[in-house]
C-alpha atoms as a PDB file:
ATOM      1  CA  MET A   1     -14.067 -13.309   1.839  1.00  0.00           C
ATOM      2  CA  ALA A   2     -10.299 -13.121   1.897  1.00  0.00           C
ATOM      3  CA  ALA A   3      -8.554 -15.982   3.670  1.00  0.00           C
ATOM      4  CA  PRO A   4      -5.900 -15.035   6.216  1.00  0.00           C
ATOM      5  CA  LEU A   5      -2.257 -15.726   5.544  1.00  0.00           C
ATOM      6  CA  ALA A   6      -1.059 -19.183   6.512  1.00  0.00           C
ATOM      7  CA  ASP A   7      -0.394 -19.573  10.233  1.00  0.00           C
ATOM      8  CA  ASN A   8       3.253 -20.423   9.623  1.00  0.00           C
ATOM      9  CA  LEU A   9       3.762 -17.053   7.933  1.00  0.00           C
ATOM     10  CA  ALA A  10       1.780 -14.723  10.173  1.00  0.00           C
ATOM     11  CA  ARG A  11      -0.518 -14.488  13.143  1.00  0.00           C
ATOM     12  CA  ASN A  12      -3.809 -12.643  12.921  1.00  0.00           C
ATOM     13  CA  LEU A  13      -5.707 -10.248  15.151  1.00  0.00           C
ATOM     14  CA  GLU A  14      -8.675  -7.879  14.924  1.00  0.00           C
ATOM     15  CA  VAL A  15      -8.298  -4.141  15.568  1.00  0.00           C
ATOM     16  CA  ALA A  16     -11.353  -2.092  16.495  1.00  0.00           C
ATOM     17  CA  VAL A  17     -11.895   1.071  14.442  1.00  0.00           C
ATOM     18  CA  HIS A  18     -14.862   3.361  13.873  1.00  0.00           C
ATOM     19  CA  ASP A  19     -17.915   1.325  12.764  1.00  0.00           C
ATOM     20  CA  GLY A  20     -16.185  -2.045  12.796  1.00  0.00           C
ATOM     21  CA  THR A  21     -12.955  -3.990  12.831  1.00  0.00           C
ATOM     22  CA  LEU A  22      -9.927  -4.529  10.635  1.00  0.00           C
ATOM     23  CA  PRO A  23      -8.139  -7.884  10.508  1.00  0.00           C
ATOM     24  CA  VAL A  24      -4.369  -7.479  10.709  1.00  0.00           C
ATOM     25  CA  ALA A  25      -1.788 -10.131   9.863  1.00  0.00           C
ATOM     26  CA  ILE A  26       1.392  -9.794  11.934  1.00  0.00           C
ATOM     27  CA  ALA A  27       4.734 -11.295  10.900  1.00  0.00           C
ATOM     28  CA  GLY A  28       8.098 -11.102  12.605  1.00  0.00           C
ATOM     29  CA  GLY A  29       9.028  -9.693  15.980  1.00  0.00           C
ATOM     30  CA  LYS A  30      10.258  -6.341  17.222  1.00  0.00           C
ATOM     31  CA  GLU A  31      14.025  -5.951  17.031  1.00  0.00           C
ATOM     32  CA  PRO A  32      16.166  -3.055  18.303  1.00  0.00           C
ATOM     33  CA  GLY A  33      17.060  -0.582  15.591  1.00  0.00           C
ATOM     34  CA  ARG A  34      14.307  -1.762  13.263  1.00  0.00           C
ATOM     35  CA  PRO A  35      11.031   0.183  13.096  1.00  0.00           C
ATOM     36  CA  PRO A  36       7.837  -1.844  12.859  1.00  0.00           C
ATOM     37  CA  VAL A  37       6.209  -1.526   9.448  1.00  0.00           C
ATOM     38  CA  ILE A  38       2.537  -1.152   8.506  1.00  0.00           C
ATOM     39  CA  LEU A  39       1.793  -2.115   4.886  1.00  0.00           C
ATOM     40  CA  LEU A  40      -1.303  -0.868   3.018  1.00  0.00           C
ATOM     41  CA  HIS A  41      -2.614  -2.807   0.022  1.00  0.00           C
ATOM     42  CA  GLY A  42      -4.076  -1.505  -3.228  1.00  0.00           C
ATOM     43  CA  TRP A  43      -7.584  -1.409  -4.674  1.00  0.00           C
ATOM     44  CA  THR A  44      -9.483  -4.705  -5.167  1.00  0.00           C
ATOM     45  CA  LEU A  45      -6.771  -6.480  -3.156  1.00  0.00           C
ATOM     46  CA  ASP A  46      -6.245  -7.323   0.526  1.00  0.00           C
ATOM     47  CA  HIS A  47      -3.492  -8.037   3.050  1.00  0.00           C
ATOM     48  CA  ARG A  48      -2.369 -11.098   1.086  1.00  0.00           C
ATOM     49  CA  MET A  49      -0.808  -8.708  -1.412  1.00  0.00           C
ATOM     50  CA  TRP A  50       2.179  -8.499   0.929  1.00  0.00           C
ATOM     51  CA  SER A  51       2.867 -12.229   1.241  1.00  0.00           C
ATOM     52  CA  PRO A  52       5.933 -11.884  -1.075  1.00  0.00           C
ATOM     53  CA  GLN A  53       7.424  -9.445   1.452  1.00  0.00           C
ATOM     54  CA  ILE A  54       7.134 -11.548   4.597  1.00  0.00           C
ATOM     55  CA  ALA A  55      10.220 -13.737   4.363  1.00  0.00           C
ATOM     56  CA  GLY A  56      12.484 -11.033   2.963  1.00  0.00           C
ATOM     57  CA  LEU A  57      11.595  -8.202   5.334  1.00  0.00           C
ATOM     58  CA  THR A  58      11.247 -10.247   8.519  1.00  0.00           C
ATOM     59  CA  ALA A  59      14.689 -11.754   7.805  1.00  0.00           C
ATOM     60  CA  GLU A  60      15.981  -8.170   7.962  1.00  0.00           C
ATOM     61  CA  GLY A  61      14.484  -7.787  11.434  1.00  0.00           C
ATOM     62  CA  PHE A  62      11.327  -5.845  10.552  1.00  0.00           C
ATOM     63  CA  GLN A  63       8.008  -6.639  12.198  1.00  0.00           C
ATOM     64  CA  LEU A  64       5.181  -6.344   9.640  1.00  0.00           C
ATOM     65  CA  ALA A  65       1.532  -5.424  10.213  1.00  0.00           C
ATOM     66  CA  MET A  66      -0.666  -6.044   7.148  1.00  0.00           C
ATOM     67  CA  PRO A  67      -4.324  -5.029   7.510  1.00  0.00           C
ATOM     68  CA  ASP A  68      -7.304  -5.531   5.285  1.00  0.00           C
ATOM     69  CA  ARG A  69      -8.266  -1.890   4.757  1.00  0.00           C
ATOM     70  CA  ARG A  70     -11.870  -0.883   5.519  1.00  0.00           C
ATOM     71  CA  GLY A  71     -14.273  -2.166   2.887  1.00  0.00           C
ATOM     72  CA  CYS A  72     -11.755  -4.804   1.799  1.00  0.00           C
ATOM     73  CA  GLY A  73     -11.101  -8.455   2.530  1.00  0.00           C
ATOM     74  CA  ARG A  74     -12.436  -9.547   5.908  1.00  0.00           C
ATOM     75  CA  ALA A  75     -12.763  -6.021   7.317  1.00  0.00           C
ATOM     76  CA  THR A  76     -16.162  -5.274   8.849  1.00  0.00           C
ATOM     77  CA  ALA A  77     -15.547  -1.504   8.890  1.00  0.00           C
ATOM     78  CA  PRO A  78     -17.300   0.029   5.862  1.00  0.00           C
ATOM     79  CA  PRO A  79     -15.469   1.930   3.120  1.00  0.00           C
ATOM     80  CA  ASP A  80     -14.602   5.472   4.225  1.00  0.00           C
ATOM     81  CA  TRP A  81     -11.594   7.300   2.796  1.00  0.00           C
ATOM     82  CA  ALA A  82     -11.849   9.980   5.489  1.00  0.00           C
ATOM     83  CA  ARG A  83     -11.179   7.503   8.295  1.00  0.00           C
ATOM     84  CA  GLU A  84      -8.329   5.468   6.864  1.00  0.00           C
ATOM     85  CA  ALA A  85      -5.517   7.584   8.296  1.00  0.00           C
ATOM     86  CA  GLU A  86      -7.098   7.213  11.747  1.00  0.00           C
ATOM     87  CA  ASP A  87      -7.312   3.466  11.089  1.00  0.00           C
ATOM     88  CA  VAL A  88      -3.537   3.353  10.612  1.00  0.00           C
ATOM     89  CA  LEU A  89      -3.054   5.076  13.969  1.00  0.00           C
ATOM     90  CA  ALA A  90      -5.525   2.673  15.605  1.00  0.00           C
ATOM     91  CA  ILE A  91      -3.506  -0.278  14.310  1.00  0.00           C
ATOM     92  CA  ALA A  92      -0.252   1.259  15.544  1.00  0.00           C
ATOM     93  CA  ASP A  93      -1.727   1.987  18.974  1.00  0.00           C
ATOM     94  CA  ALA A  94      -3.234  -1.491  19.306  1.00  0.00           C
ATOM     95  CA  LEU A  95       0.154  -3.041  18.553  1.00  0.00           C
ATOM     96  CA  GLY A  96       2.110  -0.669  20.796  1.00  0.00           C
ATOM     97  CA  PHE A  97       3.926   1.048  17.909  1.00  0.00           C
ATOM     98  CA  ASP A  98       4.939   4.487  19.174  1.00  0.00           C
ATOM     99  CA  ARG A  99       6.704   5.209  15.892  1.00  0.00           C
ATOM    100  CA  PHE A 100       6.584   3.103  12.766  1.00  0.00           C
ATOM    101  CA  ALA A 101       7.352   3.009   9.063  1.00  0.00           C
ATOM    102  CA  LEU A 102       4.556   3.009   6.526  1.00  0.00           C
ATOM    103  CA  VAL A 103       4.493   1.273   3.138  1.00  0.00           C
ATOM    104  CA  GLY A 104       1.647   1.728   0.653  1.00  0.00           C
ATOM    105  CA  LEU A 105       1.098   0.668  -2.936  1.00  0.00           C
ATOM    106  CA  SER A 106      -1.286   2.369  -5.382  1.00  0.00           C
ATOM    107  CA  GLN A 107      -4.502   3.220  -3.502  1.00  0.00           C
ATOM    108  CA  GLY A 108      -2.703   2.163  -0.329  1.00  0.00           C
ATOM    109  CA  ALA A 109      -0.040   4.751  -1.166  1.00  0.00           C
ATOM    110  CA  THR A 110      -2.728   7.436  -1.154  1.00  0.00           C
ATOM    111  CA  VAL A 111      -3.737   6.395   2.359  1.00  0.00           C
ATOM    112  CA  ALA A 112      -0.084   6.265   3.413  1.00  0.00           C
ATOM    113  CA  LEU A 113       0.540   9.807   2.167  1.00  0.00           C
ATOM    114  CA  ASP A 114      -2.597  11.108   3.859  1.00  0.00           C
ATOM    115  CA  THR A 115      -1.460   9.489   7.100  1.00  0.00           C
ATOM    116  CA  ALA A 116       2.019  10.965   6.710  1.00  0.00           C
ATOM    117  CA  ARG A 117       0.813  14.521   6.222  1.00  0.00           C
ATOM    118  CA  ARG A 118      -1.614  14.315   9.149  1.00  0.00           C
ATOM    119  CA  PHE A 119       0.432  12.299  11.650  1.00  0.00           C
ATOM    120  CA  ASP A 120       4.005  12.942  10.578  1.00  0.00           C
ATOM    121  CA  ALA A 121       5.465  12.725  14.109  1.00  0.00           C
ATOM    122  CA  ARG A 122       4.539   9.025  14.308  1.00  0.00           C
ATOM    123  CA  LEU A 123       6.423   7.971  11.155  1.00  0.00           C
ATOM    124  CA  THR A 124      10.079   6.994  10.923  1.00  0.00           C
ATOM    125  CA  GLY A 125       9.863   6.674   7.151  1.00  0.00           C
ATOM    126  CA  LEU A 126       7.428   6.390   4.250  1.00  0.00           C
ATOM    127  CA  VAL A 127       7.530   4.129   1.179  1.00  0.00           C
ATOM    128  CA  VAL A 128       5.016   4.716  -1.597  1.00  0.00           C
ATOM    129  CA  SER A 129       4.939   2.619  -4.752  1.00  0.00           C
ATOM    130  CA  GLY A 130       2.832   3.511  -7.778  1.00  0.00           C
ATOM    131  CA  ALA A 131       1.155   6.436  -6.003  1.00  0.00           C
ATOM    132  CA  PRO A 132      -1.439   8.424  -8.005  1.00  0.00           C
ATOM    133  CA  LEU A 133      -0.572  12.118  -7.571  1.00  0.00           C
ATOM    134  CA  PRO A 134      -2.676  14.334  -9.856  1.00  0.00           C
ATOM    135  CA  ALA A 135      -1.628  17.436  -7.896  1.00  0.00           C
ATOM    136  CA  LEU A 136       1.922  16.895  -9.149  1.00  0.00           C
ATOM    137  CA  VAL A 137       1.370  15.436 -12.624  1.00  0.00           C
ATOM    138  CA  PRO A 138      -1.822  15.855 -14.707  1.00  0.00           C
ATOM    139  CA  ARG A 139      -3.570  12.502 -14.886  1.00  0.00           C
ATOM    140  CA  ASP A 140      -3.570  10.781 -18.271  1.00  0.00           C
ATOM    141  CA  GLU A 141      -4.532   7.336 -16.982  1.00  0.00           C
ATOM    142  CA  VAL A 142      -8.097   6.061 -17.277  1.00  0.00           C
ATOM    143  CA  ILE A 143      -9.902   3.875 -14.723  1.00  0.00           C
ATOM    144  CA  ASP A 144     -13.593   3.664 -15.664  1.00  0.00           C
ATOM    145  CA  LEU A 145     -15.031   3.686 -12.158  1.00  0.00           C
ATOM    146  CA  ASP A 146     -18.497   4.676 -13.395  1.00  0.00           C
ATOM    147  CA  HIS A 147     -18.609   1.515 -15.506  1.00  0.00           C
ATOM    148  CA  TYR A 148     -17.442  -0.600 -12.581  1.00  0.00           C
ATOM    149  CA  ARG A 149     -19.995   1.032 -10.264  1.00  0.00           C
ATOM    150  CA  ALA A 150     -22.746   0.260 -12.758  1.00  0.00           C
ATOM    151  CA  LEU A 151     -21.712  -3.399 -12.898  1.00  0.00           C
ATOM    152  CA  ALA A 152     -21.558  -3.594  -9.097  1.00  0.00           C
ATOM    153  CA  ALA A 153     -24.989  -1.965  -8.814  1.00  0.00           C
ATOM    154  CA  VAL A 154     -26.586  -4.754 -10.842  1.00  0.00           C
ATOM    155  CA  GLY A 155     -24.581  -7.451  -9.101  1.00  0.00           C
ATOM    156  CA  ASP A 156     -22.413  -8.373 -12.081  1.00  0.00           C
ATOM    157  CA  MET A 157     -19.133  -8.564 -10.191  1.00  0.00           C
ATOM    158  CA  ALA A 158     -17.860 -11.304 -12.495  1.00  0.00           C
ATOM    159  CA  ALA A 159     -17.887  -8.885 -15.439  1.00  0.00           C
ATOM    160  CA  MET A 160     -16.348  -6.143 -13.315  1.00  0.00           C
ATOM    161  CA  ARG A 161     -13.512  -8.384 -12.142  1.00  0.00           C
ATOM    162  CA  ALA A 162     -12.877  -9.738 -15.644  1.00  0.00           C
ATOM    163  CA  ASP A 163     -12.615  -6.226 -17.083  1.00  0.00           C
ATOM    164  CA  TRP A 164     -10.403  -4.891 -14.287  1.00  0.00           C
ATOM    165  CA  ALA A 165      -8.088  -7.907 -14.543  1.00  0.00           C
ATOM    166  CA  GLN A 166      -7.095  -6.726 -18.039  1.00  0.00           C
ATOM    167  CA  HIS A 167      -6.226  -3.187 -16.963  1.00  0.00           C
ATOM    168  CA  PRO A 168      -2.493  -2.315 -17.177  1.00  0.00           C
ATOM    169  CA  LEU A 169      -2.438  -1.702 -13.416  1.00  0.00           C
ATOM    170  CA  MET A 170      -3.472  -5.304 -12.736  1.00  0.00           C
ATOM    171  CA  LEU A 171      -1.274  -7.210 -15.163  1.00  0.00           C
ATOM    172  CA  GLY A 172       1.175  -9.419 -13.298  1.00  0.00           C
ATOM    173  CA  HIS A 173       4.622  -9.629 -14.893  1.00  0.00           C
ATOM    174  CA  SER A 174       5.427 -13.076 -13.486  1.00  0.00           C
ATOM    175  CA  PRO A 175       3.451 -16.308 -13.062  1.00  0.00           C
ATOM    176  CA  ASP A 176       3.582 -16.005  -9.269  1.00  0.00           C
ATOM    177  CA  ALA A 177       2.324 -12.431  -9.373  1.00  0.00           C
ATOM    178  CA  HIS A 178      -0.497 -13.346 -11.750  1.00  0.00           C
ATOM    179  CA  ALA A 179      -1.579 -16.218  -9.515  1.00  0.00           C
ATOM    180  CA  LEU A 180      -1.549 -14.083  -6.364  1.00  0.00           C
ATOM    181  CA  LEU A 181      -3.525 -11.264  -7.992  1.00  0.00           C
ATOM    182  CA  SER A 182      -6.072 -13.695  -9.430  1.00  0.00           C
ATOM    183  CA  VAL A 183      -6.786 -15.219  -6.017  1.00  0.00           C
ATOM    184  CA  MET A 184      -7.332 -11.823  -4.388  1.00  0.00           C
ATOM    185  CA  LEU A 185      -9.380 -10.371  -7.223  1.00  0.00           C
ATOM    186  CA  ALA A 186     -11.691 -13.417  -7.131  1.00  0.00           C
ATOM    187  CA  ASP A 187     -12.562 -12.459  -3.531  1.00  0.00           C
ATOM    188  CA  TYR A 188     -13.177  -8.752  -4.243  1.00  0.00           C
ATOM    189  CA  ASP A 189     -16.854  -8.016  -3.573  1.00  0.00           C
ATOM    190  CA  GLY A 190     -17.112  -4.360  -4.647  1.00  0.00           C
ATOM    191  CA  ARG A 191     -18.357  -2.914  -1.358  1.00  0.00           C
ATOM    192  CA  ASP A 192     -16.537   0.333  -2.072  1.00  0.00           C
ATOM    193  CA  LEU A 193     -18.206   0.665  -5.485  1.00  0.00           C
ATOM    194  CA  ARG A 194     -21.698   0.820  -4.003  1.00  0.00           C
ATOM    195  CA  GLY A 195     -21.182   4.316  -2.664  1.00  0.00           C
ATOM    196  CA  ARG A 196     -19.354   7.369  -3.890  1.00  0.00           C
ATOM    197  CA  ALA A 197     -16.412   8.811  -2.022  1.00  0.00           C
ATOM    198  CA  ASP A 198     -13.525  10.985  -3.063  1.00  0.00           C
ATOM    199  CA  PRO A 199      -9.957  10.082  -2.065  1.00  0.00           C
ATOM    200  CA  PRO A 200      -8.190  12.426   0.350  1.00  0.00           C
ATOM    201  CA  GLU A 201      -6.685  15.495  -1.240  1.00  0.00           C
ATOM    202  CA  LEU A 202      -2.908  15.481  -1.471  1.00  0.00           C
ATOM    203  CA  PRO A 203      -2.083  19.031  -2.561  1.00  0.00           C
ATOM    204  CA  ARG A 204       1.361  19.938  -3.804  1.00  0.00           C
ATOM    205  CA  ALA A 205       2.076  22.061  -0.727  1.00  0.00           C
ATOM    206  CA  ALA A 206       1.340  19.154   1.616  1.00  0.00           C
ATOM    207  CA  LEU A 207       3.618  16.800  -0.318  1.00  0.00           C
ATOM    208  CA  ALA A 208       6.374  19.411  -0.330  1.00  0.00           C
ATOM    209  CA  ALA A 209       6.086  19.652   3.459  1.00  0.00           C
ATOM    210  CA  LEU A 210       6.558  15.952   4.240  1.00  0.00           C
ATOM    211  CA  ALA A 211       9.168  15.901   6.991  1.00  0.00           C
ATOM    212  CA  MET A 212      10.065  12.206   7.134  1.00  0.00           C
ATOM    213  CA  PRO A 213      12.347  10.290   4.752  1.00  0.00           C
ATOM    214  CA  VAL A 214      10.353   9.178   1.696  1.00  0.00           C
ATOM    215  CA  LEU A 215      11.058   6.484  -0.866  1.00  0.00           C
ATOM    216  CA  ALA A 216       9.032   7.121  -4.027  1.00  0.00           C
ATOM    217  CA  MET A 217       9.137   4.082  -6.276  1.00  0.00           C
ATOM    218  CA  THR A 218       7.429   2.228  -9.105  1.00  0.00           C
ATOM    219  CA  GLY A 219       8.030  -0.812 -11.205  1.00  0.00           C
ATOM    220  CA  ALA A 220      10.129  -0.075 -14.268  1.00  0.00           C
ATOM    221  CA  HIS A 221       7.160  -1.160 -16.418  1.00  0.00           C
ATOM    222  CA  ASP A 222       4.487   0.728 -14.469  1.00  0.00           C
ATOM    223  CA  THR A 223       2.373   3.183 -16.455  1.00  0.00           C
ATOM    224  CA  PRO A 224       4.127   6.362 -17.633  1.00  0.00           C
ATOM    225  CA  TRP A 225       1.883   8.478 -15.405  1.00  0.00           C
ATOM    226  CA  ARG A 226       2.651   6.511 -12.237  1.00  0.00           C
ATOM    227  CA  LYS A 227       6.380   6.685 -12.987  1.00  0.00           C
ATOM    228  CA  ALA A 228       6.126  10.433 -13.542  1.00  0.00           C
ATOM    229  CA  CYS A 229       4.274  10.797 -10.226  1.00  0.00           C
ATOM    230  CA  ALA A 230       7.023   8.946  -8.357  1.00  0.00           C
ATOM    231  CA  ALA A 231       9.737  11.068  -9.935  1.00  0.00           C
ATOM    232  CA  ALA A 232       7.819  14.256  -9.121  1.00  0.00           C
ATOM    233  CA  LEU A 233       7.318  13.249  -5.490  1.00  0.00           C
ATOM    234  CA  ALA A 234      11.009  12.401  -5.138  1.00  0.00           C
ATOM    235  CA  HIS A 235      11.823  15.859  -6.483  1.00  0.00           C
ATOM    236  CA  ILE A 236       9.446  17.847  -4.292  1.00  0.00           C
ATOM    237  CA  ALA A 237       9.574  16.078  -0.894  1.00  0.00           C
ATOM    238  CA  PRO A 238      12.564  17.416   1.071  1.00  0.00           C
ATOM    239  CA  ARG A 239      13.982  14.050   2.189  1.00  0.00           C
ATOM    240  CA  ALA A 240      12.850  11.877  -0.707  1.00  0.00           C
ATOM    241  CA  MET A 241      14.618   9.231  -2.752  1.00  0.00           C
ATOM    242  CA  HIS A 242      13.527   7.615  -6.014  1.00  0.00           C
ATOM    243  CA  ALA A 243      13.752   3.987  -7.135  1.00  0.00           C
ATOM    244  CA  LEU A 244      12.587   1.837 -10.040  1.00  0.00           C
ATOM    245  CA  VAL A 245      12.041  -1.877  -9.478  1.00  0.00           C
ATOM    246  CA  PRO A 246      13.379  -3.756 -12.525  1.00  0.00           C
ATOM    247  CA  ASP A 247      11.302  -6.349 -14.360  1.00  0.00           C
ATOM    248  CA  ALA A 248       8.142  -5.163 -12.604  1.00  0.00           C
ATOM    249  CA  GLY A 249       4.914  -3.414 -13.446  1.00  0.00           C
ATOM    250  CA  HIS A 250       2.509  -1.496 -11.232  1.00  0.00           C
ATOM    251  CA  LEU A 251       2.356  -4.280  -8.622  1.00  0.00           C
ATOM    252  CA  ALA A 252       6.113  -4.274  -8.246  1.00  0.00           C
ATOM    253  CA  ASN A 253       6.111  -6.044  -4.889  1.00  0.00           C
ATOM    254  CA  ALA A 254       4.604  -9.154  -6.482  1.00  0.00           C
ATOM    255  CA  ASP A 255       6.373  -8.961  -9.850  1.00  0.00           C
ATOM    256  CA  ASN A 256       9.894  -8.742  -8.438  1.00  0.00           C
ATOM    257  CA  PRO A 257       9.812  -9.368  -4.682  1.00  0.00           C
ATOM    258  CA  ALA A 258      13.579  -9.708  -4.309  1.00  0.00           C
ATOM    259  CA  ALA A 259      14.347  -6.282  -5.772  1.00  0.00           C
ATOM    260  CA  PHE A 260      11.374  -4.646  -4.063  1.00  0.00           C
ATOM    261  CA  ASN A 261      12.317  -6.085  -0.667  1.00  0.00           C
ATOM    262  CA  THR A 262      15.966  -5.092  -1.069  1.00  0.00           C
ATOM    263  CA  ALA A 263      15.042  -1.489  -1.882  1.00  0.00           C
ATOM    264  CA  VAL A 264      12.540  -1.212   0.969  1.00  0.00           C
ATOM    265  CA  ALA A 265      14.816  -2.860   3.555  1.00  0.00           C
ATOM    266  CA  SER A 266      17.759  -0.677   2.571  1.00  0.00           C
ATOM    267  CA  PHE A 267      15.651   2.460   2.840  1.00  0.00           C
ATOM    268  CA  LEU A 268      14.106   1.490   6.177  1.00  0.00           C
ATOM    269  CA  ARG A 269      17.525   0.679   7.621  1.00  0.00           C
ATOM    270  CA  SER A 270      18.702   4.134   6.617  1.00  0.00           C
ATOM    271  CA  CYS A 271      15.681   5.686   8.334  1.00  0.00           C
ATOM    272  CA  SER A 272      16.583   4.035  11.627  1.00  0.00           C
ATOM    273  CA  ASP A 273      20.014   5.698  11.563  1.00  0.00           C
ATOM    274  CA  PRO A 274      19.707   9.373  10.553  1.00  0.00           C
ATOM    275  CA  LYS A 275      23.501   9.606  10.101  1.00  0.00           C
ATOM    276  CA  THR A 276      23.471   6.964   7.394  1.00  0.00           C
ATOM    277  CA  ARG A 277      21.601   7.020   4.088  1.00  0.00           C
ATOM    278  CA  LEU A 278      22.230   3.716   2.376  1.00  0.00           C
ATOM    279  CA  PRO A 279      22.054   3.634  -1.433  1.00  0.00           C
ATOM    280  CA  ILE A 280      19.023   2.104  -3.093  1.00  0.00           C
END
């Protein structure tokens, strides 16, 4: 099971949700003019994905809440796409966040977008990195989930993890990123692969109706499809901006934390002052 972040970086609590609990690592304190931020990790990962963001974003005055999503890490709540947006609200309510910013990467970006379209009044701003958006751009990227489900069904998680580690979406572009991803992937137990569930639908009309400021971003070396999705979202969402993180792949937050943190902090500062839109 995933180990919590070191005590000197974050404190940890458990939030009750439907059918279980979610562990949440908290870093930083609330500061005036800075929205609290909930960060949602990607598939086969856990809250530790955001450890490269802690020092940079808390130094900018942002309080961070980093859960293990249901079915992941140390969460006891079982996998259930349909309940993840409600989970985000449960975390916000438990922490006393009336309004908050939301950051999601990859599969976490899907959850973030679903939360944004359903609970838009609660969000001050939305950052999505490497979001899969087949409603905007036809998918030409292959993830062989049937193969991974078959391996999980027979208990061969070692083979599953070894195969997935070589996928372009999991290739770290720096030694630190590779080490962080390897540690998390080693703890992935495949709970979500033992049942079938479809991700929430994100139709074009819903994405075009997003009311909050949106930062759609990817690493500069992310897959062509993910980069096209980010550009399409930035074009269609009314208050969207687009950014590429240099020297970074799909997991841009780990590949180039300094550039990722600068872009996110700049965007979130602009969200807290509607009269000012700082450049990315």
